[in-house]
Amino acid sequence: MLYTALATFAAYLLGSLTFAVFVCKLLGLPDPRTYGSKNPGSSNVLRSGSKIAALLTLLLDALKGFIPVMLVTRYGEPYGMGDIAVALVGLVAFFGHLYPVFFKFKGGKGVATAAGVIFAISWPLGLATLGTWLIIVFFFRYSSLAALVAAVFAPVYYLMGDGVAWNAETPLTAALVVMSAMLVYAHRENITRLLKGTESKLGKKTI
């Protein structure tokens, strides 16, 4: 219990690091919370016109979801940390991005961090989810729509692969469902704009 609690706390602190703000400040770019969708995430950073800043933000946000889950999965068993601990650290890292303690609990939408968690749970599951995102982006050019579709399909893929590519564990299934639901909730304004036809397409420069 103690090790799980410590790992969960550390995962939340890591998830609370809003790298979009740090990267933009480091590269002399405007704060991503002041333009576009005002979301501190890689898609909005891309609207600054800097592909490097967007890529760095994407990788760092994904890593803060990947690293805690990977560490607990690989090294947690001798300390009594099983699937419940893996699910907890993944969820808490994700919630840290949404509600970061370092930024007054106002964070991003968690797409990259959720992707990092999913890849750490299973890289084939991560590839399937990423493939879904890429297909939607390629045909529709809406990052938010791609994130919504991928979020909904991630737990579906996980259950479909049970007994074939992996053994679906109840705590991990629950974590994927919760992340999927929270991703949809975080994109509620995007959903409204998509329905109205006013959503900005990926890569559109707004500043």
C-alpha atoms as a PDB file:
ATOM      1  CA  MET A   1       0.000   0.000   0.000  1.00  0.00           C
ATOM      2  CA  LEU A   2       2.813   2.412   0.902  1.00  0.00           C
ATOM      3  CA  TYR A   3       4.709   1.835  -2.347  1.00  0.00           C
ATOM      4  CA  THR A   4       1.525   2.177  -4.380  1.00  0.00           C
ATOM      5  CA  ALA A   5       0.671   5.429  -2.595  1.00  0.00           C
ATOM      6  CA  LEU A   6       4.164   6.836  -3.194  1.00  0.00           C
ATOM      7  CA  ALA A   7       4.115   5.817  -6.858  1.00  0.00           C
ATOM      8  CA  THR A   8       0.657   7.346  -7.290  1.00  0.00           C
ATOM      9  CA  PHE A   9       1.746  10.619  -5.702  1.00  0.00           C
ATOM     10  CA  ALA A  10       4.878  10.782  -7.867  1.00  0.00           C
ATOM     11  CA  ALA A  11       2.809  10.036 -10.982  1.00  0.00           C
ATOM     12  CA  TYR A  12       0.458  12.907 -10.184  1.00  0.00           C
ATOM     13  CA  LEU A  13       3.346  15.353  -9.728  1.00  0.00           C
ATOM     14  CA  LEU A  14       4.870  14.254 -13.015  1.00  0.00           C
ATOM     15  CA  GLY A  15       1.513  14.521 -14.759  1.00  0.00           C
ATOM     16  CA  SER A  16       1.114  18.047 -13.370  1.00  0.00           C
ATOM     17  CA  LEU A  17       4.114  19.310 -15.345  1.00  0.00           C
ATOM     18  CA  THR A  18       2.481  21.267 -18.172  1.00  0.00           C
ATOM     19  CA  PHE A  19       5.224  20.925 -20.758  1.00  0.00           C
ATOM     20  CA  ALA A  20       3.454  23.021 -23.408  1.00  0.00           C
ATOM     21  CA  VAL A  21       4.005  26.087 -21.241  1.00  0.00           C
ATOM     22  CA  PHE A  22       7.627  25.190 -20.472  1.00  0.00           C
ATOM     23  CA  VAL A  23       8.521  24.402 -24.097  1.00  0.00           C
ATOM     24  CA  CYS A  24       6.945  27.589 -25.444  1.00  0.00           C
ATOM     25  CA  LYS A  25       8.699  29.701 -22.840  1.00  0.00           C
ATOM     26  CA  LEU A  26      12.022  28.002 -23.589  1.00  0.00           C
ATOM     27  CA  LEU A  27      11.660  28.647 -27.329  1.00  0.00           C
ATOM     28  CA  GLY A  28      10.421  32.211 -26.914  1.00  0.00           C
ATOM     29  CA  LEU A  29       6.898  31.464 -28.131  1.00  0.00           C
ATOM     30  CA  PRO A  30       3.626  32.875 -26.759  1.00  0.00           C
ATOM     31  CA  ASP A  31       1.975  31.032 -23.890  1.00  0.00           C
ATOM     32  CA  PRO A  32      -0.326  28.436 -25.544  1.00  0.00           C
ATOM     33  CA  ARG A  33      -3.030  29.347 -23.044  1.00  0.00           C
ATOM     34  CA  THR A  34      -3.386  32.752 -24.737  1.00  0.00           C
ATOM     35  CA  TYR A  35      -4.276  31.782 -28.323  1.00  0.00           C
ATOM     36  CA  GLY A  36      -6.205  29.259 -30.414  1.00  0.00           C
ATOM     37  CA  SER A  37      -8.139  26.858 -28.232  1.00  0.00           C
ATOM     38  CA  LYS A  38      -6.105  28.093 -25.225  1.00  0.00           C
ATOM     39  CA  ASN A  39      -5.332  24.454 -24.491  1.00  0.00           C
ATOM     40  CA  PRO A  40      -1.766  23.740 -23.272  1.00  0.00           C
ATOM     41  CA  GLY A  41      -1.291  20.798 -25.587  1.00  0.00           C
ATOM     42  CA  SER A  42       0.702  19.925 -28.704  1.00  0.00           C
ATOM     43  CA  SER A  43      -2.150  20.551 -31.171  1.00  0.00           C
ATOM     44  CA  ASN A  44      -2.598  24.100 -29.947  1.00  0.00           C
ATOM     45  CA  VAL A  45       1.162  24.681 -29.757  1.00  0.00           C
ATOM     46  CA  LEU A  46       1.298  23.717 -33.452  1.00  0.00           C
ATOM     47  CA  ARG A  47      -0.942  26.710 -34.158  1.00  0.00           C
ATOM     48  CA  SER A  48       1.988  28.924 -33.137  1.00  0.00           C
ATOM     49  CA  GLY A  49       3.671  27.791 -36.331  1.00  0.00           C
ATOM     50  CA  SER A  50       6.475  25.915 -34.554  1.00  0.00           C
ATOM     51  CA  LYS A  51       6.500  22.219 -35.425  1.00  0.00           C
ATOM     52  CA  ILE A  52       9.500  21.659 -33.155  1.00  0.00           C
ATOM     53  CA  ALA A  53       7.665  23.074 -30.142  1.00  0.00           C
ATOM     54  CA  ALA A  54       4.597  20.967 -30.926  1.00  0.00           C
ATOM     55  CA  LEU A  55       6.679  17.802 -31.312  1.00  0.00           C
ATOM     56  CA  LEU A  56       8.574  18.403 -28.068  1.00  0.00           C
ATOM     57  CA  THR A  57       5.311  19.025 -26.228  1.00  0.00           C
ATOM     58  CA  LEU A  58       3.793  15.866 -27.681  1.00  0.00           C
ATOM     59  CA  LEU A  59       6.749  13.683 -26.698  1.00  0.00           C
ATOM     60  CA  LEU A  60       7.105  15.093 -23.185  1.00  0.00           C
ATOM     61  CA  ASP A  61       3.373  14.873 -22.475  1.00  0.00           C
ATOM     62  CA  ALA A  62       3.337  11.273 -23.705  1.00  0.00           C
ATOM     63  CA  LEU A  63       6.381  10.363 -21.613  1.00  0.00           C
ATOM     64  CA  LYS A  64       4.797  11.580 -18.389  1.00  0.00           C
ATOM     65  CA  GLY A  65       2.051   9.021 -18.939  1.00  0.00           C
ATOM     66  CA  PHE A  66       4.369   6.293 -20.225  1.00  0.00           C
ATOM     67  CA  ILE A  67       7.138   6.423 -17.619  1.00  0.00           C
ATOM     68  CA  PRO A  68       5.100   5.855 -14.402  1.00  0.00           C
ATOM     69  CA  VAL A  69       3.151   2.949 -15.908  1.00  0.00           C
ATOM     70  CA  MET A  70       6.276   1.392 -17.419  1.00  0.00           C
ATOM     71  CA  LEU A  71       8.213   1.633 -14.157  1.00  0.00           C
ATOM     72  CA  VAL A  72       5.455   0.100 -12.043  1.00  0.00           C
ATOM     73  CA  THR A  73       4.824  -2.615 -14.637  1.00  0.00           C
ATOM     74  CA  ARG A  74       8.494  -3.550 -14.873  1.00  0.00           C
ATOM     75  CA  TYR A  75       9.693  -3.056 -11.307  1.00  0.00           C
ATOM     76  CA  GLY A  76       6.606  -2.952  -9.086  1.00  0.00           C
ATOM     77  CA  GLU A  77       5.866  -6.647  -8.575  1.00  0.00           C
ATOM     78  CA  PRO A  78       8.547  -7.261  -5.904  1.00  0.00           C
ATOM     79  CA  TYR A  79       6.993  -4.365  -3.948  1.00  0.00           C
ATOM     80  CA  GLY A  80       3.478  -5.764  -4.132  1.00  0.00           C
ATOM     81  CA  MET A  81       2.326  -3.504  -6.952  1.00  0.00           C
ATOM     82  CA  GLY A  82       0.126  -5.297  -9.460  1.00  0.00           C
ATOM     83  CA  ASP A  83      -2.502  -4.341 -11.996  1.00  0.00           C
ATOM     84  CA  ILE A  84      -4.355  -2.072  -9.569  1.00  0.00           C
ATOM     85  CA  ALA A  85      -1.190  -0.041  -8.977  1.00  0.00           C
ATOM     86  CA  VAL A  86      -0.518   0.129 -12.728  1.00  0.00           C
ATOM     87  CA  ALA A  87      -4.053   1.372 -13.358  1.00  0.00           C
ATOM     88  CA  LEU A  88      -3.798   3.938 -10.542  1.00  0.00           C
ATOM     89  CA  VAL A  89      -0.501   5.491 -11.613  1.00  0.00           C
ATOM     90  CA  GLY A  90      -1.697   5.698 -15.203  1.00  0.00           C
ATOM     91  CA  LEU A  91      -4.957   7.362 -14.222  1.00  0.00           C
ATOM     92  CA  VAL A  92      -3.317   9.762 -11.781  1.00  0.00           C
ATOM     93  CA  ALA A  93      -0.660  10.839 -14.303  1.00  0.00           C
ATOM     94  CA  PHE A  94      -3.486  11.499 -16.759  1.00  0.00           C
ATOM     95  CA  PHE A  95      -5.514  13.446 -14.185  1.00  0.00           C
ATOM     96  CA  GLY A  96      -2.373  15.381 -13.275  1.00  0.00           C
ATOM     97  CA  HIS A  97      -2.282  16.702 -16.829  1.00  0.00           C
ATOM     98  CA  LEU A  98      -5.960  17.665 -16.684  1.00  0.00           C
ATOM     99  CA  TYR A  99      -5.748  19.173 -13.198  1.00  0.00           C
ATOM    100  CA  PRO A 100      -2.099  20.149 -12.525  1.00  0.00           C
ATOM    101  CA  VAL A 101      -1.302  21.280  -9.014  1.00  0.00           C
ATOM    102  CA  PHE A 102       1.438  23.582 -10.377  1.00  0.00           C
ATOM    103  CA  PHE A 103      -0.981  25.492 -12.630  1.00  0.00           C
ATOM    104  CA  LYS A 104      -3.998  26.047 -10.371  1.00  0.00           C
ATOM    105  CA  PHE A 105      -5.557  22.774 -11.536  1.00  0.00           C
ATOM    106  CA  LYS A 106      -6.128  24.140 -15.051  1.00  0.00           C
ATOM    107  CA  GLY A 107      -4.429  21.839 -17.541  1.00  0.00           C
ATOM    108  CA  GLY A 108      -4.765  20.331 -20.976  1.00  0.00           C
ATOM    109  CA  LYS A 109      -7.040  17.681 -22.385  1.00  0.00           C
ATOM    110  CA  GLY A 110      -4.725  14.746 -21.814  1.00  0.00           C
ATOM    111  CA  VAL A 111      -4.575  13.171 -25.278  1.00  0.00           C
ATOM    112  CA  ALA A 112      -0.797  12.674 -25.430  1.00  0.00           C
ATOM    113  CA  THR A 113      -0.574  11.633 -21.778  1.00  0.00           C
ATOM    114  CA  ALA A 114      -3.347   9.081 -22.278  1.00  0.00           C
ATOM    115  CA  ALA A 115      -1.486   7.795 -25.345  1.00  0.00           C
ATOM    116  CA  GLY A 116       1.636   7.345 -23.230  1.00  0.00           C
ATOM    117  CA  VAL A 117      -0.334   5.359 -20.654  1.00  0.00           C
ATOM    118  CA  ILE A 118      -1.859   3.176 -23.384  1.00  0.00           C
ATOM    119  CA  PHE A 119       1.521   2.442 -25.004  1.00  0.00           C
ATOM    120  CA  ALA A 120       2.945   1.489 -21.593  1.00  0.00           C
ATOM    121  CA  ILE A 121       0.047  -0.894 -20.967  1.00  0.00           C
ATOM    122  CA  SER A 122       0.555  -2.546 -24.367  1.00  0.00           C
ATOM    123  CA  TRP A 123       2.453  -1.267 -27.397  1.00  0.00           C
ATOM    124  CA  PRO A 124       0.170  -3.133 -29.866  1.00  0.00           C
ATOM    125  CA  LEU A 125      -2.813  -1.451 -28.196  1.00  0.00           C
ATOM    126  CA  GLY A 126      -0.981   1.854 -28.478  1.00  0.00           C
ATOM    127  CA  LEU A 127      -0.318   1.308 -32.174  1.00  0.00           C
ATOM    128  CA  ALA A 128      -3.967   0.421 -32.834  1.00  0.00           C
ATOM    129  CA  THR A 129      -5.136   3.548 -31.011  1.00  0.00           C
ATOM    130  CA  LEU A 130      -2.534   5.748 -32.718  1.00  0.00           C
ATOM    131  CA  GLY A 131      -3.504   4.279 -36.096  1.00  0.00           C
ATOM    132  CA  THR A 132      -7.111   5.251 -35.460  1.00  0.00           C
ATOM    133  CA  TRP A 133      -6.042   8.808 -34.605  1.00  0.00           C
ATOM    134  CA  LEU A 134      -3.908   9.073 -37.747  1.00  0.00           C
ATOM    135  CA  ILE A 135      -6.672   7.810 -40.032  1.00  0.00           C
ATOM    136  CA  ILE A 136      -9.193  10.347 -38.713  1.00  0.00           C
ATOM    137  CA  VAL A 137      -6.655  13.199 -38.901  1.00  0.00           C
ATOM    138  CA  PHE A 138      -5.669  12.242 -42.462  1.00  0.00           C
ATOM    139  CA  PHE A 139      -9.224  12.284 -43.760  1.00  0.00           C
ATOM    140  CA  PHE A 140     -10.789  15.052 -41.657  1.00  0.00           C
ATOM    141  CA  ARG A 141      -7.864  17.230 -40.395  1.00  0.00           C
ATOM    142  CA  TYR A 142      -9.487  17.686 -36.996  1.00  0.00           C
ATOM    143  CA  SER A 143      -7.211  16.734 -34.102  1.00  0.00           C
ATOM    144  CA  SER A 144     -10.103  16.906 -31.635  1.00  0.00           C
ATOM    145  CA  LEU A 145     -12.265  14.535 -33.689  1.00  0.00           C
ATOM    146  CA  ALA A 146      -9.352  12.111 -34.028  1.00  0.00           C
ATOM    147  CA  ALA A 147      -8.762  12.229 -30.274  1.00  0.00           C
ATOM    148  CA  LEU A 148     -12.440  11.544 -29.556  1.00  0.00           C
ATOM    149  CA  VAL A 149     -12.638   8.575 -31.915  1.00  0.00           C
ATOM    150  CA  ALA A 150      -9.340   7.107 -30.675  1.00  0.00           C
ATOM    151  CA  ALA A 151     -10.400   7.594 -27.040  1.00  0.00           C
ATOM    152  CA  VAL A 152     -13.649   5.712 -27.581  1.00  0.00           C
ATOM    153  CA  PHE A 153     -11.955   2.859 -29.435  1.00  0.00           C
ATOM    154  CA  ALA A 154      -9.015   2.344 -27.029  1.00  0.00           C
ATOM    155  CA  PRO A 155     -10.979   0.351 -24.399  1.00  0.00           C
ATOM    156  CA  VAL A 156     -12.849  -1.428 -27.199  1.00  0.00           C
ATOM    157  CA  TYR A 157      -9.559  -2.576 -28.747  1.00  0.00           C
ATOM    158  CA  TYR A 158      -8.322  -3.664 -25.331  1.00  0.00           C
ATOM    159  CA  LEU A 159     -11.344  -5.905 -24.789  1.00  0.00           C
ATOM    160  CA  MET A 160     -11.240  -7.199 -28.372  1.00  0.00           C
ATOM    161  CA  GLY A 161      -7.623  -8.280 -27.900  1.00  0.00           C
ATOM    162  CA  ASP A 162      -8.326 -10.201 -24.699  1.00  0.00           C
ATOM    163  CA  GLY A 163      -6.945 -13.719 -24.972  1.00  0.00           C
ATOM    164  CA  VAL A 164      -5.410 -12.967 -28.364  1.00  0.00           C
ATOM    165  CA  ALA A 165      -2.796 -10.214 -28.008  1.00  0.00           C
ATOM    166  CA  TRP A 166      -2.969  -9.812 -24.213  1.00  0.00           C
ATOM    167  CA  ASN A 167      -5.011 -10.742 -21.176  1.00  0.00           C
ATOM    168  CA  ALA A 168      -7.422  -7.922 -20.388  1.00  0.00           C
ATOM    169  CA  GLU A 169      -7.281  -7.128 -16.671  1.00  0.00           C
ATOM    170  CA  THR A 170     -10.262  -5.543 -14.929  1.00  0.00           C
ATOM    171  CA  PRO A 171      -8.329  -2.630 -13.293  1.00  0.00           C
ATOM    172  CA  LEU A 172      -6.721  -1.696 -16.616  1.00  0.00           C
ATOM    173  CA  THR A 173     -10.028  -1.971 -18.449  1.00  0.00           C
ATOM    174  CA  ALA A 174     -11.594   0.348 -15.880  1.00  0.00           C
ATOM    175  CA  ALA A 175      -8.700   2.814 -16.209  1.00  0.00           C
ATOM    176  CA  LEU A 176      -9.062   2.892 -20.000  1.00  0.00           C
ATOM    177  CA  VAL A 177     -12.812   3.452 -19.755  1.00  0.00           C
ATOM    178  CA  VAL A 178     -12.362   6.293 -17.251  1.00  0.00           C
ATOM    179  CA  MET A 179      -9.695   7.954 -19.417  1.00  0.00           C
ATOM    180  CA  SER A 180     -11.930   7.598 -22.462  1.00  0.00           C
ATOM    181  CA  ALA A 181     -14.860   9.208 -20.653  1.00  0.00           C
ATOM    182  CA  MET A 182     -12.700  12.041 -19.321  1.00  0.00           C
ATOM    183  CA  LEU A 183     -11.214  12.692 -22.753  1.00  0.00           C
ATOM    184  CA  VAL A 184     -14.703  13.039 -24.190  1.00  0.00           C
ATOM    185  CA  TYR A 185     -15.644  15.362 -21.327  1.00  0.00           C
ATOM    186  CA  ALA A 186     -12.481  17.440 -21.810  1.00  0.00           C
ATOM    187  CA  HIS A 187     -13.406  17.879 -25.482  1.00  0.00           C
ATOM    188  CA  ARG A 188     -16.984  19.002 -24.826  1.00  0.00           C
ATOM    189  CA  GLU A 189     -16.328  22.473 -26.265  1.00  0.00           C
ATOM    190  CA  ASN A 190     -14.648  20.923 -29.295  1.00  0.00           C
ATOM    191  CA  ILE A 191     -17.687  18.722 -29.815  1.00  0.00           C
ATOM    192  CA  THR A 192     -19.884  21.820 -29.858  1.00  0.00           C
ATOM    193  CA  ARG A 193     -17.606  23.510 -32.402  1.00  0.00           C
ATOM    194  CA  LEU A 194     -17.454  20.379 -34.541  1.00  0.00           C
ATOM    195  CA  LEU A 195     -21.248  20.255 -34.660  1.00  0.00           C
ATOM    196  CA  LYS A 196     -21.357  23.961 -35.585  1.00  0.00           C
ATOM    197  CA  GLY A 197     -18.597  23.593 -38.172  1.00  0.00           C
ATOM    198  CA  THR A 198     -16.386  26.171 -36.448  1.00  0.00           C
ATOM    199  CA  GLU A 199     -13.627  23.866 -35.150  1.00  0.00           C
ATOM    200  CA  SER A 200     -10.104  24.800 -36.289  1.00  0.00           C
ATOM    201  CA  LYS A 201      -8.310  22.246 -38.404  1.00  0.00           C
ATOM    202  CA  LEU A 202      -4.949  20.795 -37.440  1.00  0.00           C
ATOM    203  CA  GLY A 203      -1.977  23.016 -38.238  1.00  0.00           C
ATOM    204  CA  LYS A 204      -3.994  26.193 -38.759  1.00  0.00           C
ATOM    205  CA  LYS A 205      -1.918  29.139 -37.532  1.00  0.00           C
ATOM    206  CA  THR A 206      -3.881  31.510 -35.328  1.00  0.00           C
ATOM    207  CA  ILE A 207      -1.236  33.968 -34.072  1.00  0.00           C
END
